[in-house]
Amino acid sequence: MTATSVARCSPDANAIVGLDFVSLSGPQQDILIARPDITVGFPSLVFQHAAEGMYGAPEYGGNKDLAGWKYIKFPGDAQPRGYTAEEMLAPDTSPPISASQLKAFDLQEAFATLGPGTPRAAKTPWKGSRGF
């Protein structure tokens, strides 16, 4: 359990048993955790932390010896994709671009290319069509 979860359980434990959560025996803690009125959201938090620990990148402290990635046959982190270290370190050899070579930006033209549409209501953003 996280320290925050223990802190949230302690007032409930104190009200029910008269002790804080840490002072309860293991079985008493289990009974308290099993009460859905006390631990709302706790199971999903535990699942999220377990998944992060099992399948996260090892440099963040989990996935010891790549156990999670080996289990799901994930080849591993292949960043950066697209460029080698030599390409990233090489100087840019392309010629510089002058301001006269740039096309003027027209905001009205940019909005016109989006096309007409109906505005989306805040309560139902999935309704309506693309555009402004």
N, C-alpha and C. Protein backbone atom coordinates (compact mmCIF):
# COMPACT_ATOMS: atom_id res chain seq x y z
N MET A 1 0.84 -1.18 0.00
CA MET A 1 0.00 0.00 0.00
C MET A 1 0.88 1.24 0.00
N THR A 2 0.38 2.27 -0.62
CA THR A 2 1.12 3.53 -0.61
C THR A 2 0.85 4.26 0.70
N ALA A 3 1.71 5.20 1.03
CA ALA A 3 1.55 5.97 2.27
C ALA A 3 0.23 6.74 2.25
N THR A 4 -0.16 7.23 1.08
CA THR A 4 -1.42 7.97 0.97
C THR A 4 -2.61 7.05 1.25
N SER A 5 -2.55 5.83 0.73
CA SER A 5 -3.63 4.87 0.96
C SER A 5 -3.74 4.51 2.42
N VAL A 6 -2.59 4.32 3.07
CA VAL A 6 -2.60 4.01 4.50
C VAL A 6 -3.19 5.17 5.29
N ALA A 7 -2.81 6.38 4.91
CA ALA A 7 -3.34 7.56 5.61
C ALA A 7 -4.85 7.67 5.45
N ARG A 8 -5.36 7.28 4.28
CA ARG A 8 -6.81 7.33 4.06
C ARG A 8 -7.54 6.24 4.83
N CYS A 9 -6.89 5.10 5.04
CA CYS A 9 -7.52 3.99 5.75
C CYS A 9 -7.49 4.17 7.27
N SER A 10 -6.52 4.90 7.77
CA SER A 10 -6.35 5.03 9.22
C SER A 10 -7.56 5.62 9.93
N PRO A 11 -8.19 6.71 9.44
CA PRO A 11 -9.37 7.22 10.14
C PRO A 11 -10.52 6.21 10.17
N ASP A 12 -10.67 5.45 9.08
CA ASP A 12 -11.72 4.42 9.05
C ASP A 12 -11.42 3.31 10.04
N ALA A 13 -10.16 2.90 10.09
CA ALA A 13 -9.76 1.85 11.04
C ALA A 13 -9.96 2.34 12.46
N ASN A 14 -9.62 3.58 12.71
CA ASN A 14 -9.77 4.15 14.05
C ASN A 14 -11.24 4.21 14.44
N ALA A 15 -12.12 4.53 13.50
CA ALA A 15 -13.55 4.61 13.80
C ALA A 15 -14.14 3.22 14.03
N ILE A 16 -13.64 2.22 13.34
CA ILE A 16 -14.21 0.87 13.44
C ILE A 16 -13.61 0.08 14.61
N VAL A 17 -12.29 0.08 14.71
CA VAL A 17 -11.60 -0.77 15.68
C VAL A 17 -10.98 0.02 16.83
N GLY A 18 -10.76 1.30 16.62
CA GLY A 18 -10.13 2.11 17.64
C GLY A 18 -8.62 2.17 17.52
N LEU A 19 -8.08 1.66 16.42
CA LEU A 19 -6.63 1.69 16.16
C LEU A 19 -6.38 2.26 14.77
N ASP A 20 -5.16 2.78 14.57
CA ASP A 20 -4.86 3.22 13.20
C ASP A 20 -4.54 1.99 12.36
N PHE A 21 -4.52 2.16 11.05
CA PHE A 21 -4.39 1.04 10.12
C PHE A 21 -3.11 0.25 10.35
N VAL A 22 -2.01 0.93 10.58
CA VAL A 22 -0.71 0.27 10.76
C VAL A 22 -0.70 -0.62 12.00
N SER A 23 -1.45 -0.26 13.02
CA SER A 23 -1.47 -1.03 14.27
C SER A 23 -2.33 -2.29 14.17
N LEU A 24 -3.13 -2.43 13.13
CA LEU A 24 -3.98 -3.61 12.97
C LEU A 24 -3.14 -4.82 12.56
N SER A 25 -3.64 -6.01 12.87
CA SER A 25 -2.97 -7.23 12.43
C SER A 25 -3.21 -7.40 10.93
N GLY A 26 -2.45 -8.27 10.31
CA GLY A 26 -2.60 -8.52 8.87
C GLY A 26 -4.03 -8.89 8.47
N PRO A 27 -4.64 -9.87 9.15
CA PRO A 27 -6.02 -10.23 8.81
C PRO A 27 -7.01 -9.07 9.00
N GLN A 28 -6.79 -8.27 10.05
CA GLN A 28 -7.68 -7.11 10.26
C GLN A 28 -7.50 -6.08 9.14
N GLN A 29 -6.27 -5.88 8.69
CA GLN A 29 -6.03 -4.97 7.57
C GLN A 29 -6.72 -5.49 6.31
N ASP A 30 -6.63 -6.80 6.07
CA ASP A 30 -7.27 -7.40 4.90
C ASP A 30 -8.78 -7.18 4.92
N ILE A 31 -9.38 -7.35 6.09
CA ILE A 31 -10.83 -7.15 6.21
C ILE A 31 -11.19 -5.70 5.92
N LEU A 32 -10.39 -4.79 6.44
CA LEU A 32 -10.66 -3.37 6.22
C LEU A 32 -10.49 -3.00 4.73
N ILE A 33 -9.45 -3.52 4.10
CA ILE A 33 -9.22 -3.23 2.68
C ILE A 33 -10.33 -3.82 1.82
N ALA A 34 -10.91 -4.92 2.23
CA ALA A 34 -11.96 -5.57 1.45
C ALA A 34 -13.27 -4.79 1.44
N ARG A 35 -13.42 -3.82 2.32
CA ARG A 35 -14.67 -3.03 2.37
C ARG A 35 -14.69 -2.01 1.25
N PRO A 36 -15.61 -2.14 0.30
CA PRO A 36 -15.64 -1.21 -0.84
C PRO A 36 -15.94 0.22 -0.45
N ASP A 37 -16.63 0.44 0.67
CA ASP A 37 -16.93 1.81 1.09
C ASP A 37 -15.68 2.54 1.58
N ILE A 38 -14.64 1.80 1.92
CA ILE A 38 -13.42 2.41 2.43
C ILE A 38 -12.36 2.54 1.34
N THR A 39 -12.27 1.54 0.50
CA THR A 39 -11.18 1.49 -0.47
C THR A 39 -11.65 1.76 -1.89
N VAL A 40 -12.55 2.69 -2.08
CA VAL A 40 -13.01 3.03 -3.43
C VAL A 40 -11.80 3.47 -4.26
N GLY A 41 -11.62 2.86 -5.41
CA GLY A 41 -10.52 3.21 -6.29
C GLY A 41 -9.20 2.55 -5.96
N PHE A 42 -9.10 1.93 -4.79
CA PHE A 42 -7.83 1.33 -4.40
C PHE A 42 -7.44 0.14 -5.29
N PRO A 43 -8.37 -0.79 -5.63
CA PRO A 43 -7.97 -1.90 -6.50
C PRO A 43 -7.44 -1.43 -7.86
N SER A 44 -8.05 -0.41 -8.45
CA SER A 44 -7.56 0.06 -9.74
C SER A 44 -6.18 0.71 -9.59
N LEU A 45 -5.93 1.38 -8.46
CA LEU A 45 -4.62 1.97 -8.22
C LEU A 45 -3.56 0.88 -8.08
N VAL A 46 -3.89 -0.18 -7.37
CA VAL A 46 -2.95 -1.30 -7.21
C VAL A 46 -2.67 -1.93 -8.57
N PHE A 47 -3.70 -2.13 -9.38
CA PHE A 47 -3.51 -2.71 -10.71
C PHE A 47 -2.61 -1.82 -11.56
N GLN A 48 -2.86 -0.52 -11.54
CA GLN A 48 -2.05 0.41 -12.33
C GLN A 48 -0.59 0.35 -11.89
N HIS A 49 -0.34 0.36 -10.59
CA HIS A 49 1.04 0.32 -10.11
C HIS A 49 1.71 -1.02 -10.45
N ALA A 50 0.95 -2.11 -10.35
CA ALA A 50 1.51 -3.43 -10.68
C ALA A 50 1.86 -3.50 -12.17
N ALA A 51 0.98 -2.98 -13.03
CA ALA A 51 1.24 -2.99 -14.46
C ALA A 51 2.45 -2.12 -14.80
N GLU A 52 2.55 -0.96 -14.16
CA GLU A 52 3.71 -0.08 -14.41
C GLU A 52 5.00 -0.76 -13.96
N GLY A 53 4.94 -1.44 -12.82
CA GLY A 53 6.12 -2.13 -12.32
C GLY A 53 6.52 -3.31 -13.18
N MET A 54 5.54 -4.01 -13.73
CA MET A 54 5.81 -5.21 -14.52
C MET A 54 6.23 -4.89 -15.95
N TYR A 55 5.58 -3.90 -16.56
CA TYR A 55 5.79 -3.65 -17.98
C TYR A 55 6.47 -2.32 -18.30
N GLY A 56 6.78 -1.52 -17.28
CA GLY A 56 7.41 -0.23 -17.52
C GLY A 56 8.87 -0.38 -17.94
N ALA A 57 9.44 0.73 -18.37
CA ALA A 57 10.85 0.72 -18.75
C ALA A 57 11.71 0.50 -17.50
N PRO A 58 12.72 -0.36 -17.59
CA PRO A 58 13.54 -0.69 -16.42
C PRO A 58 14.25 0.51 -15.79
N GLU A 59 14.53 1.53 -16.59
CA GLU A 59 15.24 2.68 -16.02
C GLU A 59 14.41 3.44 -15.01
N TYR A 60 13.10 3.13 -14.91
CA TYR A 60 12.24 3.77 -13.92
C TYR A 60 12.06 2.92 -12.67
N GLY A 61 12.78 1.81 -12.58
CA GLY A 61 12.79 1.04 -11.34
C GLY A 61 12.00 -0.25 -11.35
N GLY A 62 11.27 -0.55 -12.39
CA GLY A 62 10.51 -1.79 -12.45
C GLY A 62 11.06 -2.72 -13.51
N ASN A 63 10.28 -3.74 -13.84
CA ASN A 63 10.60 -4.66 -14.94
C ASN A 63 12.02 -5.23 -14.79
N LYS A 64 12.31 -5.74 -13.60
CA LYS A 64 13.65 -6.26 -13.30
C LYS A 64 14.06 -7.34 -14.30
N ASP A 65 15.24 -7.19 -14.83
CA ASP A 65 15.80 -8.11 -15.83
C ASP A 65 14.89 -8.28 -17.05
N LEU A 66 14.09 -7.26 -17.34
CA LEU A 66 13.17 -7.25 -18.49
C LEU A 66 12.15 -8.39 -18.44
N ALA A 67 11.80 -8.84 -17.23
CA ALA A 67 10.89 -9.98 -17.06
C ALA A 67 9.54 -9.73 -17.73
N GLY A 68 8.97 -8.54 -17.56
CA GLY A 68 7.67 -8.23 -18.16
C GLY A 68 7.73 -8.21 -19.67
N TRP A 69 8.79 -7.61 -20.21
CA TRP A 69 8.91 -7.52 -21.66
C TRP A 69 9.18 -8.90 -22.27
N LYS A 70 9.97 -9.73 -21.59
CA LYS A 70 10.22 -11.08 -22.09
C LYS A 70 8.93 -11.90 -22.06
N TYR A 71 8.12 -11.71 -21.02
CA TYR A 71 6.87 -12.46 -20.88
C TYR A 71 5.91 -12.19 -22.04
N ILE A 72 5.83 -10.92 -22.47
CA ILE A 72 4.92 -10.59 -23.57
C ILE A 72 5.65 -10.52 -24.92
N LYS A 73 6.91 -10.95 -24.92
CA LYS A 73 7.74 -10.99 -26.12
C LYS A 73 7.90 -9.61 -26.77
N PHE A 74 8.03 -8.58 -25.92
CA PHE A 74 8.27 -7.22 -26.40
C PHE A 74 9.77 -7.07 -26.63
N PRO A 75 10.20 -6.62 -27.80
CA PRO A 75 11.63 -6.56 -28.09
C PRO A 75 12.39 -5.52 -27.28
N GLY A 76 11.70 -4.59 -26.69
CA GLY A 76 12.35 -3.58 -25.88
C GLY A 76 12.26 -2.20 -26.49
N ASP A 77 12.77 -1.25 -25.76
CA ASP A 77 12.74 0.14 -26.17
C ASP A 77 13.78 0.35 -27.27
N ALA A 78 13.35 0.86 -28.41
CA ALA A 78 14.25 1.07 -29.54
C ALA A 78 14.39 2.55 -29.86
N GLN A 79 14.38 3.39 -28.85
CA GLN A 79 14.50 4.84 -29.08
C GLN A 79 15.97 5.20 -29.26
N PRO A 80 16.32 6.21 -29.99
CA PRO A 80 15.43 6.97 -30.85
C PRO A 80 15.20 6.24 -32.16
N ARG A 81 14.01 6.31 -32.66
CA ARG A 81 13.68 5.65 -33.92
C ARG A 81 13.97 6.61 -35.08
N GLY A 82 14.55 6.10 -36.13
CA GLY A 82 14.73 6.91 -37.33
C GLY A 82 16.12 7.47 -37.53
N TYR A 83 16.86 7.75 -36.49
CA TYR A 83 18.18 8.35 -36.65
C TYR A 83 19.21 7.57 -35.84
N THR A 84 20.40 7.42 -36.39
CA THR A 84 21.49 6.79 -35.66
C THR A 84 22.15 7.87 -34.81
N ALA A 85 23.01 7.46 -33.90
CA ALA A 85 23.73 8.41 -33.06
C ALA A 85 24.60 9.32 -33.92
N GLU A 86 25.21 8.77 -34.97
CA GLU A 86 26.06 9.57 -35.85
C GLU A 86 25.23 10.64 -36.57
N GLU A 87 24.02 10.27 -37.01
CA GLU A 87 23.16 11.24 -37.69
C GLU A 87 22.72 12.36 -36.75
N MET A 88 22.47 12.01 -35.50
CA MET A 88 22.04 13.02 -34.53
C MET A 88 23.18 13.98 -34.19
N LEU A 89 24.41 13.50 -34.19
CA LEU A 89 25.55 14.32 -33.82
C LEU A 89 26.15 15.09 -34.99
N ALA A 90 25.82 14.69 -36.21
CA ALA A 90 26.39 15.34 -37.40
C ALA A 90 25.85 16.76 -37.55
N PRO A 91 26.70 17.68 -38.01
CA PRO A 91 26.20 19.05 -38.21
C PRO A 91 25.22 19.11 -39.37
N ASP A 92 24.36 20.10 -39.35
CA ASP A 92 23.38 20.30 -40.42
C ASP A 92 24.10 20.92 -41.60
N THR A 93 24.08 20.24 -42.74
CA THR A 93 24.79 20.73 -43.93
C THR A 93 23.86 21.36 -44.95
N SER A 94 22.57 21.47 -44.66
CA SER A 94 21.65 22.09 -45.62
C SER A 94 21.88 23.59 -45.65
N PRO A 95 21.61 24.20 -46.80
CA PRO A 95 21.82 25.66 -46.89
C PRO A 95 20.81 26.41 -46.03
N PRO A 96 21.19 27.58 -45.53
CA PRO A 96 20.25 28.36 -44.71
C PRO A 96 19.08 28.88 -45.54
N ILE A 97 17.97 29.12 -44.89
CA ILE A 97 16.78 29.65 -45.55
C ILE A 97 16.65 31.12 -45.19
N SER A 98 16.44 31.95 -46.20
CA SER A 98 16.29 33.38 -45.94
C SER A 98 14.80 33.70 -45.80
N ALA A 99 14.50 34.83 -45.21
CA ALA A 99 13.12 35.25 -45.01
C ALA A 99 12.40 35.46 -46.34
N SER A 100 13.12 35.84 -47.38
CA SER A 100 12.48 36.07 -48.68
C SER A 100 12.02 34.77 -49.33
N GLN A 101 12.56 33.64 -48.90
CA GLN A 101 12.16 32.35 -49.46
C GLN A 101 10.89 31.79 -48.80
N LEU A 102 10.49 32.36 -47.69
CA LEU A 102 9.32 31.87 -46.97
C LEU A 102 8.04 32.38 -47.60
N LYS A 103 7.02 31.53 -47.66
CA LYS A 103 5.71 31.93 -48.15
C LYS A 103 5.00 32.68 -47.03
N ALA A 104 4.32 33.75 -47.40
CA ALA A 104 3.58 34.53 -46.41
C ALA A 104 2.46 33.67 -45.84
N PHE A 105 2.24 33.78 -44.56
CA PHE A 105 1.20 32.99 -43.89
C PHE A 105 -0.08 33.81 -43.83
N ASP A 106 -1.14 33.24 -44.38
CA ASP A 106 -2.44 33.93 -44.38
C ASP A 106 -3.39 33.14 -43.49
N LEU A 107 -3.76 33.70 -42.35
CA LEU A 107 -4.62 33.03 -41.39
C LEU A 107 -5.99 32.73 -41.98
N GLN A 108 -6.57 33.66 -42.72
CA GLN A 108 -7.90 33.44 -43.34
C GLN A 108 -7.85 32.26 -44.30
N GLU A 109 -6.78 32.17 -45.07
CA GLU A 109 -6.63 31.06 -46.01
C GLU A 109 -6.51 29.73 -45.27
N ALA A 110 -5.78 29.74 -44.18
CA ALA A 110 -5.61 28.51 -43.40
C ALA A 110 -6.94 28.03 -42.84
N PHE A 111 -7.76 28.93 -42.32
CA PHE A 111 -9.08 28.55 -41.81
C PHE A 111 -10.01 28.12 -42.93
N ALA A 112 -9.89 28.73 -44.10
CA ALA A 112 -10.76 28.38 -45.23
C ALA A 112 -10.51 26.96 -45.69
N THR A 113 -9.28 26.48 -45.57
CA THR A 113 -8.98 25.11 -46.02
C THR A 113 -9.55 24.06 -45.08
N LEU A 114 -9.94 24.46 -43.89
CA LEU A 114 -10.51 23.50 -42.95
C LEU A 114 -11.92 23.08 -43.36
N GLY A 115 -12.58 23.89 -44.10
CA GLY A 115 -13.92 23.57 -44.57
C GLY A 115 -14.98 23.91 -43.55
N PRO A 116 -16.20 24.05 -44.06
CA PRO A 116 -17.29 24.38 -43.15
C PRO A 116 -17.67 23.18 -42.29
N GLY A 117 -18.30 23.46 -41.21
CA GLY A 117 -18.75 22.40 -40.32
C GLY A 117 -19.71 22.96 -39.31
N THR A 118 -20.25 22.10 -38.49
CA THR A 118 -21.14 22.56 -37.44
C THR A 118 -20.36 22.55 -36.13
N PRO A 119 -20.55 23.57 -35.31
CA PRO A 119 -19.82 23.59 -34.05
C PRO A 119 -20.24 22.44 -33.15
N ARG A 120 -19.32 21.99 -32.34
CA ARG A 120 -19.58 20.88 -31.43
C ARG A 120 -20.00 21.42 -30.08
N ALA A 121 -21.07 20.87 -29.55
CA ALA A 121 -21.55 21.30 -28.24
C ALA A 121 -20.61 20.77 -27.17
N ALA A 122 -20.46 21.52 -26.10
CA ALA A 122 -19.55 21.11 -25.02
C ALA A 122 -20.02 19.81 -24.36
N LYS A 123 -21.33 19.59 -24.30
CA LYS A 123 -21.83 18.39 -23.63
C LYS A 123 -21.77 17.16 -24.54
N THR A 124 -21.78 17.37 -25.85
CA THR A 124 -21.75 16.25 -26.79
C THR A 124 -20.72 16.52 -27.89
N PRO A 125 -19.42 16.51 -27.55
CA PRO A 125 -18.40 16.85 -28.55
C PRO A 125 -18.28 15.82 -29.67
N TRP A 126 -18.83 14.62 -29.47
CA TRP A 126 -18.74 13.60 -30.51
C TRP A 126 -19.73 13.86 -31.63
N LYS A 127 -20.69 14.75 -31.42
CA LYS A 127 -21.63 15.09 -32.47
C LYS A 127 -21.12 16.32 -33.21
N GLY A 128 -21.53 16.49 -34.44
CA GLY A 128 -21.06 17.60 -35.25
C GLY A 128 -20.05 17.11 -36.24
N SER A 129 -19.60 17.99 -37.12
CA SER A 129 -18.64 17.57 -38.13
C SER A 129 -17.38 18.38 -38.01
N ARG A 130 -16.37 17.95 -38.75
CA ARG A 130 -15.07 18.63 -38.71
C ARG A 130 -15.19 20.05 -39.20
N GLY A 131 -14.33 20.89 -38.75
CA GLY A 131 -14.28 22.27 -39.23
C GLY A 131 -14.62 23.25 -38.14
N PHE A 132 -14.64 24.50 -38.54
CA PHE A 132 -14.95 25.56 -37.60
C PHE A 132 -16.29 26.18 -37.93
